[in-house]
Full PDB file with SEQRES, HELIX, SHEET, SSBOND, CRYST1, ORIGX, SCALE, CONECT and MASTER records, all heavy atoms in Angstrom:
SEQRES   1 A   33  ALA GLU VAL ILE LEU THR GLY GLY ARG LEU ARG ARG ALA          
SEQRES   2 A   33  ASP GLY GLY LEU THR GLY ASP MET ALA VAL GLU THR ILE          
SEQRES   3 A   33  ARG GLN PHE LYS VAL ASP MET                                  
HELIX    1 AA1 ASP A   20  ILE A   26  1                                   7    
SHEET    1 AA1 2 ARG A   9  ARG A  11  0                                        
SHEET    2 AA1 2 GLY A  16  THR A  18 -1                                        
CRYST1    1.000    1.000    1.000  90.00  90.00  90.00 P 1           1          
ORIGX1      1.000000  0.000000  0.000000        0.00000                         
ORIGX2      0.000000  1.000000  0.000000        0.00000                         
ORIGX3      0.000000  0.000000  1.000000        0.00000                         
SCALE1      1.000000  0.000000  0.000000        0.00000                         
SCALE2      0.000000  1.000000  0.000000        0.00000                         
SCALE3      0.000000  0.000000  1.000000        0.00000                         
ATOM      1  N   ALA A   1     -23.884 -20.805  14.522  1.00  0.00           N  
ATOM      2  CA  ALA A   1     -23.723 -19.609  13.614  1.00  0.00           C  
ATOM      3  C   ALA A   1     -23.027 -18.491  14.489  1.00  0.00           C  
ATOM      4  O   ALA A   1     -23.437 -18.221  15.638  1.00  0.00           O  
ATOM      5  CB  ALA A   1     -25.037 -19.182  13.105  1.00  0.00           C  
ATOM      6  N   GLU A   2     -22.028 -17.855  13.844  1.00  0.00           N  
ATOM      7  CA  GLU A   2     -21.391 -16.703  14.370  1.00  0.00           C  
ATOM      8  C   GLU A   2     -22.239 -15.449  13.801  1.00  0.00           C  
ATOM      9  O   GLU A   2     -22.193 -15.354  12.564  1.00  0.00           O  
ATOM     10  CB  GLU A   2     -19.914 -16.533  14.057  1.00  0.00           C  
ATOM     11  CG  GLU A   2     -19.328 -15.370  14.696  1.00  0.00           C  
ATOM     12  CD  GLU A   2     -17.834 -15.267  14.460  1.00  0.00           C  
ATOM     13  OE1 GLU A   2     -17.348 -16.176  13.748  1.00  0.00           O  
ATOM     14  OE2 GLU A   2     -17.175 -14.257  14.853  1.00  0.00           O  
ATOM     15  N   VAL A   3     -22.770 -14.725  14.575  1.00  0.00           N  
ATOM     16  CA  VAL A   3     -23.619 -13.578  14.082  1.00  0.00           C  
ATOM     17  C   VAL A   3     -22.966 -12.207  14.463  1.00  0.00           C  
ATOM     18  O   VAL A   3     -22.682 -11.989  15.656  1.00  0.00           O  
ATOM     19  CB  VAL A   3     -25.046 -13.562  14.629  1.00  0.00           C  
ATOM     20  CG1 VAL A   3     -25.927 -12.467  14.078  1.00  0.00           C  
ATOM     21  CG2 VAL A   3     -25.706 -14.962  14.308  1.00  0.00           C  
ATOM     22  N   ILE A   4     -22.621 -11.369  13.532  1.00  0.00           N  
ATOM     23  CA  ILE A   4     -22.015 -10.045  13.722  1.00  0.00           C  
ATOM     24  C   ILE A   4     -22.933  -8.993  13.303  1.00  0.00           C  
ATOM     25  O   ILE A   4     -23.295  -8.897  12.077  1.00  0.00           O  
ATOM     26  CB  ILE A   4     -20.656 -10.132  12.914  1.00  0.00           C  
ATOM     27  CG1 ILE A   4     -19.781 -11.206  13.468  1.00  0.00           C  
ATOM     28  CG2 ILE A   4     -19.997  -8.725  13.114  1.00  0.00           C  
ATOM     29  CD1 ILE A   4     -18.557 -11.449  12.538  1.00  0.00           C  
ATOM     30  N   LEU A   5     -23.228  -8.147  14.241  1.00  0.00           N  
ATOM     31  CA  LEU A   5     -24.025  -6.852  13.891  1.00  0.00           C  
ATOM     32  C   LEU A   5     -23.099  -5.778  13.509  1.00  0.00           C  
ATOM     33  O   LEU A   5     -21.978  -5.574  14.151  1.00  0.00           O  
ATOM     34  CB  LEU A   5     -24.818  -6.438  15.054  1.00  0.00           C  
ATOM     35  CG  LEU A   5     -26.105  -7.124  15.255  1.00  0.00           C  
ATOM     36  CD1 LEU A   5     -26.798  -6.736  16.558  1.00  0.00           C  
ATOM     37  CD2 LEU A   5     -27.164  -6.562  14.231  1.00  0.00           C  
ATOM     38  N   THR A   6     -23.391  -5.011  12.529  1.00  0.00           N  
ATOM     39  CA  THR A   6     -22.564  -3.945  12.003  1.00  0.00           C  
ATOM     40  C   THR A   6     -22.370  -2.798  13.024  1.00  0.00           C  
ATOM     41  O   THR A   6     -21.438  -2.031  12.921  1.00  0.00           O  
ATOM     42  CB  THR A   6     -23.053  -3.437  10.729  1.00  0.00           C  
ATOM     43  OG1 THR A   6     -24.349  -2.737  10.916  1.00  0.00           O  
ATOM     44  CG2 THR A   6     -23.226  -4.482   9.623  1.00  0.00           C  
ATOM     45  N   GLY A   7     -23.342  -2.482  13.821  1.00  0.00           N  
ATOM     46  CA  GLY A   7     -23.420  -1.215  14.453  1.00  0.00           C  
ATOM     47  C   GLY A   7     -23.985  -0.200  13.476  1.00  0.00           C  
ATOM     48  O   GLY A   7     -24.265  -0.468  12.259  1.00  0.00           O  
ATOM     49  N   GLY A   8     -24.076   1.085  13.937  1.00  0.00           N  
ATOM     50  CA  GLY A   8     -24.628   2.154  13.019  1.00  0.00           C  
ATOM     51  C   GLY A   8     -25.800   2.821  13.682  1.00  0.00           C  
ATOM     52  O   GLY A   8     -26.304   2.489  14.855  1.00  0.00           O  
ATOM     53  N   ARG A   9     -26.518   3.628  12.940  1.00  0.00           N  
ATOM     54  CA  ARG A   9     -27.648   4.354  13.505  1.00  0.00           C  
ATOM     55  C   ARG A   9     -28.850   3.423  13.396  1.00  0.00           C  
ATOM     56  O   ARG A   9     -29.154   2.905  12.303  1.00  0.00           O  
ATOM     57  CB  ARG A   9     -27.875   5.699  12.710  1.00  0.00           C  
ATOM     58  CG  ARG A   9     -28.992   6.573  13.171  1.00  0.00           C  
ATOM     59  CD  ARG A   9     -29.130   7.869  12.491  1.00  0.00           C  
ATOM     60  NE  ARG A   9     -29.359   7.697  11.038  1.00  0.00           N  
ATOM     61  CZ  ARG A   9     -28.577   7.783  10.075  1.00  0.00           C  
ATOM     62  NH1 ARG A   9     -27.286   8.197  10.358  1.00  0.00           N  
ATOM     63  NH2 ARG A   9     -28.919   7.732   8.896  1.00  0.00           N  
ATOM     64  N   LEU A  10     -29.580   3.308  14.495  1.00  0.00           N  
ATOM     65  CA  LEU A  10     -30.711   2.332  14.500  1.00  0.00           C  
ATOM     66  C   LEU A  10     -31.978   3.038  13.913  1.00  0.00           C  
ATOM     67  O   LEU A  10     -32.320   4.154  14.307  1.00  0.00           O  
ATOM     68  CB  LEU A  10     -31.033   2.061  15.962  1.00  0.00           C  
ATOM     69  CG  LEU A  10     -32.309   1.215  16.251  1.00  0.00           C  
ATOM     70  CD1 LEU A  10     -32.210  -0.125  15.503  1.00  0.00           C  
ATOM     71  CD2 LEU A  10     -32.574   1.031  17.712  1.00  0.00           C  
ATOM     72  N   ARG A  11     -32.621   2.396  13.017  1.00  0.00           N  
ATOM     73  CA  ARG A  11     -33.762   2.842  12.474  1.00  0.00           C  
ATOM     74  C   ARG A  11     -34.881   1.994  13.229  1.00  0.00           C  
ATOM     75  O   ARG A  11     -35.150   0.876  12.833  1.00  0.00           O  
ATOM     76  CB  ARG A  11     -33.916   2.619  10.954  1.00  0.00           C  
ATOM     77  CG  ARG A  11     -35.026   3.257  10.202  1.00  0.00           C  
ATOM     78  CD  ARG A  11     -34.800   3.259   8.746  1.00  0.00           C  
ATOM     79  NE  ARG A  11     -34.864   1.954   8.144  1.00  0.00           N  
ATOM     80  CZ  ARG A  11     -34.661   1.606   6.868  1.00  0.00           C  
ATOM     81  NH1 ARG A  11     -34.110   2.532   6.069  1.00  0.00           N  
ATOM     82  NH2 ARG A  11     -34.757   0.438   6.444  1.00  0.00           N  
ATOM     83  N   ARG A  12     -35.546   2.718  14.203  1.00  0.00           N  
ATOM     84  CA  ARG A  12     -36.432   1.989  15.117  1.00  0.00           C  
ATOM     85  C   ARG A  12     -37.616   1.320  14.393  1.00  0.00           C  
ATOM     86  O   ARG A  12     -38.201   0.372  14.792  1.00  0.00           O  
ATOM     87  CB  ARG A  12     -36.983   2.905  16.167  1.00  0.00           C  
ATOM     88  CG  ARG A  12     -35.824   3.312  17.137  1.00  0.00           C  
ATOM     89  CD  ARG A  12     -36.330   4.235  18.267  1.00  0.00           C  
ATOM     90  NE  ARG A  12     -35.367   4.468  19.213  1.00  0.00           N  
ATOM     91  CZ  ARG A  12     -34.423   5.523  19.081  1.00  0.00           C  
ATOM     92  NH1 ARG A  12     -34.384   6.195  17.939  1.00  0.00           N  
ATOM     93  NH2 ARG A  12     -33.491   5.677  20.069  1.00  0.00           N  
ATOM     94  N   ALA A  13     -38.016   1.875  13.179  1.00  0.00           N  
ATOM     95  CA  ALA A  13     -39.250   1.406  12.537  1.00  0.00           C  
ATOM     96  C   ALA A  13     -39.096  -0.104  12.047  1.00  0.00           C  
ATOM     97  O   ALA A  13     -40.093  -0.698  12.119  1.00  0.00           O  
ATOM     98  CB  ALA A  13     -39.569   2.354  11.345  1.00  0.00           C  
ATOM     99  N   ASP A  14     -37.886  -0.510  11.839  1.00  0.00           N  
ATOM    100  CA  ASP A  14     -37.674  -1.844  11.275  1.00  0.00           C  
ATOM    101  C   ASP A  14     -36.454  -2.554  11.729  1.00  0.00           C  
ATOM    102  O   ASP A  14     -36.144  -3.613  11.285  1.00  0.00           O  
ATOM    103  CB  ASP A  14     -37.728  -1.795   9.795  1.00  0.00           C  
ATOM    104  CG  ASP A  14     -36.648  -0.981   9.187  1.00  0.00           C  
ATOM    105  OD1 ASP A  14     -35.794  -0.471   9.817  1.00  0.00           O  
ATOM    106  OD2 ASP A  14     -36.590  -0.934   7.897  1.00  0.00           O  
ATOM    107  N   GLY A  15     -35.802  -1.988  12.621  1.00  0.00           N  
ATOM    108  CA  GLY A  15     -34.618  -2.592  13.232  1.00  0.00           C  
ATOM    109  C   GLY A  15     -33.374  -2.634  12.327  1.00  0.00           C  
ATOM    110  O   GLY A  15     -32.387  -3.324  12.548  1.00  0.00           O  
ATOM    111  N   GLY A  16     -33.379  -1.621  11.389  1.00  0.00           N  
ATOM    112  CA  GLY A  16     -32.179  -1.539  10.429  1.00  0.00           C  
ATOM    113  C   GLY A  16     -31.105  -0.696  11.110  1.00  0.00           C  
ATOM    114  O   GLY A  16     -31.369   0.313  11.827  1.00  0.00           O  
ATOM    115  N   LEU A  17     -29.854  -0.920  10.696  1.00  0.00           N  
ATOM    116  CA  LEU A  17     -28.753  -0.175  11.131  1.00  0.00           C  
ATOM    117  C   LEU A  17     -28.101   0.413   9.914  1.00  0.00           C  
ATOM    118  O   LEU A  17     -27.716  -0.374   8.948  1.00  0.00           O  
ATOM    119  CB  LEU A  17     -27.708  -1.098  11.862  1.00  0.00           C  
ATOM    120  CG  LEU A  17     -28.178  -1.686  13.153  1.00  0.00           C  
ATOM    121  CD1 LEU A  17     -27.293  -2.716  13.635  1.00  0.00           C  
ATOM    122  CD2 LEU A  17     -28.353  -0.605  14.248  1.00  0.00           C  
ATOM    123  N   THR A  18     -27.936   1.733   9.883  1.00  0.00           N  
ATOM    124  CA  THR A  18     -27.377   2.475   8.647  1.00  0.00           C  
ATOM    125  C   THR A  18     -26.354   3.356   9.034  1.00  0.00           C  
ATOM    126  O   THR A  18     -26.026   3.621  10.286  1.00  0.00           O  
ATOM    127  CB  THR A  18     -28.489   3.119   7.921  1.00  0.00           C  
ATOM    128  OG1 THR A  18     -29.068   4.186   8.740  1.00  0.00           O  
ATOM    129  CG2 THR A  18     -29.661   2.175   7.533  1.00  0.00           C  
ATOM    130  N   GLY A  19     -25.726   4.029   8.146  1.00  0.00           N  
ATOM    131  CA  GLY A  19     -24.733   5.098   8.306  1.00  0.00           C  
ATOM    132  C   GLY A  19     -23.330   4.645   8.160  1.00  0.00           C  
ATOM    133  O   GLY A  19     -23.011   3.535   7.822  1.00  0.00           O  
ATOM    134  N   ASP A  20     -22.362   5.547   8.367  1.00  0.00           N  
ATOM    135  CA  ASP A  20     -21.005   5.329   8.154  1.00  0.00           C  
ATOM    136  C   ASP A  20     -20.396   4.131   8.951  1.00  0.00           C  
ATOM    137  O   ASP A  20     -19.632   3.324   8.451  1.00  0.00           O  
ATOM    138  CB  ASP A  20     -20.186   6.492   8.559  1.00  0.00           C  
ATOM    139  CG  ASP A  20     -20.458   7.756   7.531  1.00  0.00           C  
ATOM    140  OD1 ASP A  20     -20.873   7.413   6.485  1.00  0.00           O  
ATOM    141  OD2 ASP A  20     -20.115   8.873   7.900  1.00  0.00           O  
ATOM    142  N   MET A  21     -20.872   3.973  10.230  1.00  0.00           N  
ATOM    143  CA  MET A  21     -20.423   2.897  10.987  1.00  0.00           C  
ATOM    144  C   MET A  21     -20.733   1.536  10.440  1.00  0.00           C  
ATOM    145  O   MET A  21     -19.937   0.507  10.432  1.00  0.00           O  
ATOM    146  CB  MET A  21     -20.938   2.926  12.478  1.00  0.00           C  
ATOM    147  CG  MET A  21     -20.354   2.007  13.433  1.00  0.00           C  
ATOM    148  SD  MET A  21     -21.035   2.120  15.092  1.00  0.00           S  
ATOM    149  CE  MET A  21     -20.342   3.732  15.567  1.00  0.00           C  
ATOM    150  N   ALA A  22     -21.956   1.423   9.932  1.00  0.00           N  
ATOM    151  CA  ALA A  22     -22.415   0.171   9.294  1.00  0.00           C  
ATOM    152  C   ALA A  22     -21.581  -0.128   8.036  1.00  0.00           C  
ATOM    153  O   ALA A  22     -21.138  -1.209   7.852  1.00  0.00           O  
ATOM    154  CB  ALA A  22     -23.861   0.298   8.811  1.00  0.00           C  
ATOM    155  N   VAL A  23     -21.279   0.900   7.198  1.00  0.00           N  
ATOM    156  CA  VAL A  23     -20.550   0.702   5.993  1.00  0.00           C  
ATOM    157  C   VAL A  23     -19.148   0.312   6.374  1.00  0.00           C  
ATOM    158  O   VAL A  23     -18.564  -0.667   5.663  1.00  0.00           O  
ATOM    159  CB  VAL A  23     -20.620   1.988   5.193  1.00  0.00           C  
ATOM    160  CG1 VAL A  23     -19.553   1.874   4.025  1.00  0.00           C  
ATOM    161  CG2 VAL A  23     -21.965   2.315   4.629  1.00  0.00           C  
ATOM    162  N   GLU A  24     -18.442   0.994   7.343  1.00  0.00           N  
ATOM    163  CA  GLU A  24     -17.094   0.758   7.701  1.00  0.00           C  
ATOM    164  C   GLU A  24     -16.911  -0.826   8.267  1.00  0.00           C  
ATOM    165  O   GLU A  24     -15.973  -1.373   7.990  1.00  0.00           O  
ATOM    166  CB  GLU A  24     -16.586   1.682   8.753  1.00  0.00           C  
ATOM    167  CG  GLU A  24     -16.381   3.113   8.171  1.00  0.00           C  
ATOM    168  CD  GLU A  24     -15.397   3.007   6.990  1.00  0.00           C  
ATOM    169  OE1 GLU A  24     -14.341   2.433   7.029  1.00  0.00           O  
ATOM    170  OE2 GLU A  24     -15.807   3.669   5.907  1.00  0.00           O  
ATOM    171  N   THR A  25     -17.997  -1.156   9.015  1.00  0.00           N  
ATOM    172  CA  THR A  25     -17.854  -2.572   9.549  1.00  0.00           C  
ATOM    173  C   THR A  25     -17.953  -3.556   8.425  1.00  0.00           C  
ATOM    174  O   THR A  25     -17.171  -4.564   8.311  1.00  0.00           O  
ATOM    175  CB  THR A  25     -19.035  -2.790  10.523  1.00  0.00           C  
ATOM    176  OG1 THR A  25     -19.083  -1.827  11.562  1.00  0.00           O  
ATOM    177  CG2 THR A  25     -19.042  -4.150  11.088  1.00  0.00           C  
ATOM    178  N   ILE A  26     -18.889  -3.263   7.453  1.00  0.00           N  
ATOM    179  CA  ILE A  26     -18.927  -4.217   6.339  1.00  0.00           C  
ATOM    180  C   ILE A  26     -17.657  -4.395   5.496  1.00  0.00           C  
ATOM    181  O   ILE A  26     -17.292  -5.376   5.108  1.00  0.00           O  
ATOM    182  CB  ILE A  26     -20.128  -3.763   5.390  1.00  0.00           C  
ATOM    183  CG1 ILE A  26     -21.485  -4.093   6.143  1.00  0.00           C  
ATOM    184  CG2 ILE A  26     -20.076  -4.457   4.018  1.00  0.00           C  
ATOM    185  CD1 ILE A  26     -22.659  -3.310   5.540  1.00  0.00           C  
ATOM    186  N   ARG A  27     -16.938  -3.211   5.385  1.00  0.00           N  
ATOM    187  CA  ARG A  27     -15.787  -3.180   4.547  1.00  0.00           C  
ATOM    188  C   ARG A  27     -14.619  -3.919   5.232  1.00  0.00           C  
ATOM    189  O   ARG A  27     -13.577  -4.148   4.627  1.00  0.00           O  
ATOM    190  CB  ARG A  27     -15.389  -1.756   4.315  1.00  0.00           C  
ATOM    191  CG  ARG A  27     -16.439  -1.026   3.360  1.00  0.00           C  
ATOM    192  CD  ARG A  27     -15.756   0.153   2.682  1.00  0.00           C  
ATOM    193  NE  ARG A  27     -16.778   0.889   1.901  1.00  0.00           N  
ATOM    194  CZ  ARG A  27     -17.225   0.539   0.746  1.00  0.00           C  
ATOM    195  NH1 ARG A  27     -16.837  -0.543   0.212  1.00  0.00           N  
ATOM    196  NH2 ARG A  27     -18.184   1.308   0.089  1.00  0.00           N  
ATOM    197  N   GLN A  28     -14.790  -4.393   6.543  1.00  0.00           N  
ATOM    198  CA  GLN A  28     -13.777  -5.289   7.067  1.00  0.00           C  
ATOM    199  C   GLN A  28     -13.841  -6.756   6.828  1.00  0.00           C  
ATOM    200  O   GLN A  28     -13.033  -7.485   7.177  1.00  0.00           O  
ATOM    201  CB  GLN A  28     -13.912  -5.102   8.720  1.00  0.00           C  
ATOM    202  CG  GLN A  28     -13.620  -3.657   9.173  1.00  0.00           C  
ATOM    203  CD  GLN A  28     -13.794  -3.478  10.659  1.00  0.00           C  
ATOM    204  OE1 GLN A  28     -13.322  -4.421  11.489  1.00  0.00           O  
ATOM    205  NE2 GLN A  28     -14.444  -2.450  11.038  1.00  0.00           N  
ATOM    206  N   PHE A  29     -14.949  -7.074   5.954  1.00  0.00           N  
ATOM    207  CA  PHE A  29     -15.212  -8.376   5.705  1.00  0.00           C  
ATOM    208  C   PHE A  29     -15.197  -8.702   4.176  1.00  0.00           C  
ATOM    209  O   PHE A  29     -15.411  -7.725   3.340  1.00  0.00           O  
ATOM    210  CB  PHE A  29     -16.579  -8.888   6.206  1.00  0.00           C  
ATOM    211  CG  PHE A  29     -16.630  -8.870   7.761  1.00  0.00           C  
ATOM    212  CD1 PHE A  29     -17.015  -7.752   8.428  1.00  0.00           C  
ATOM    213  CD2 PHE A  29     -16.280 -10.071   8.455  1.00  0.00           C  
ATOM    214  CE1 PHE A  29     -17.078  -7.727   9.777  1.00  0.00           C  
ATOM    215  CE2 PHE A  29     -16.394 -10.074   9.828  1.00  0.00           C  
ATOM    216  CZ  PHE A  29     -16.749  -8.911  10.508  1.00  0.00           C  
ATOM    217  N   LYS A  30     -14.847  -9.896   3.815  1.00  0.00           N  
ATOM    218  CA  LYS A  30     -15.007 -10.349   2.381  1.00  0.00           C  
ATOM    219  C   LYS A  30     -15.706 -11.780   2.524  1.00  0.00           C  
ATOM    220  O   LYS A  30     -15.113 -12.724   2.992  1.00  0.00           O  
ATOM    221  CB  LYS A  30     -13.645 -10.576   1.789  1.00  0.00           C  
ATOM    222  CG  LYS A  30     -13.786 -10.827   0.308  1.00  0.00           C  
ATOM    223  CD  LYS A  30     -14.154  -9.673  -0.568  1.00  0.00           C  
ATOM    224  CE  LYS A  30     -14.175  -9.857  -1.984  1.00  0.00           C  
ATOM    225  NZ  LYS A  30     -14.522  -8.661  -2.818  1.00  0.00           N  
ATOM    226  N   VAL A  31     -16.986 -11.783   2.255  1.00  0.00           N  
ATOM    227  CA  VAL A  31     -17.736 -13.028   2.498  1.00  0.00           C  
ATOM    228  C   VAL A  31     -18.106 -13.774   1.218  1.00  0.00           C  
ATOM    229  O   VAL A  31     -17.934 -13.296   0.108  1.00  0.00           O  
ATOM    230  CB  VAL A  31     -19.094 -12.722   3.244  1.00  0.00           C  
ATOM    231  CG1 VAL A  31     -18.772 -11.954   4.504  1.00  0.00           C  
ATOM    232  CG2 VAL A  31     -20.004 -11.820   2.344  1.00  0.00           C  
ATOM    233  N   ASP A  32     -18.566 -15.011   1.391  1.00  0.00           N  
ATOM    234  CA  ASP A  32     -18.897 -15.853   0.222  1.00  0.00           C  
ATOM    235  C   ASP A  32     -20.054 -15.301  -0.523  1.00  0.00           C  
ATOM    236  O   ASP A  32     -20.111 -15.416  -1.737  1.00  0.00           O  
ATOM    237  CB  ASP A  32     -19.148 -17.298   0.827  1.00  0.00           C  
ATOM    238  CG  ASP A  32     -18.021 -17.888   1.423  1.00  0.00           C  
ATOM    239  OD1 ASP A  32     -16.917 -17.726   0.953  1.00  0.00           O  
ATOM    240  OD2 ASP A  32     -18.202 -18.535   2.436  1.00  0.00           O  
ATOM    241  N   MET A  33     -21.060 -14.766   0.261  1.00  0.00           N  
ATOM    242  CA  MET A  33     -22.359 -14.369  -0.551  1.00  0.00           C  
ATOM    243  C   MET A  33     -23.042 -13.294   0.191  1.00  0.00           C  
ATOM    244  O   MET A  33     -23.139 -13.220   1.409  1.00  0.00           O  
ATOM    245  CB  MET A  33     -23.293 -15.650  -0.480  1.00  0.00           C  
ATOM    246  CG  MET A  33     -24.615 -15.422  -1.354  1.00  0.00           C  
ATOM    247  SD  MET A  33     -25.558 -16.817  -1.445  1.00  0.00           S  
ATOM    248  CE  MET A  33     -24.566 -17.955  -2.346  1.00  0.00           C  
TER     249      MET A  33                                                      
MASTER        0    0    0    1    2    0    0    6  248    1    0    3          
END                                                                             
């Protein structure tokens, strides 16, 4: 598996990454599901 992390602001409580950097990374991809 190729695993790509979005980057972004780390939410330490649960390991989530949010914010503009996460959104911009996601918009670079078009995935199956």
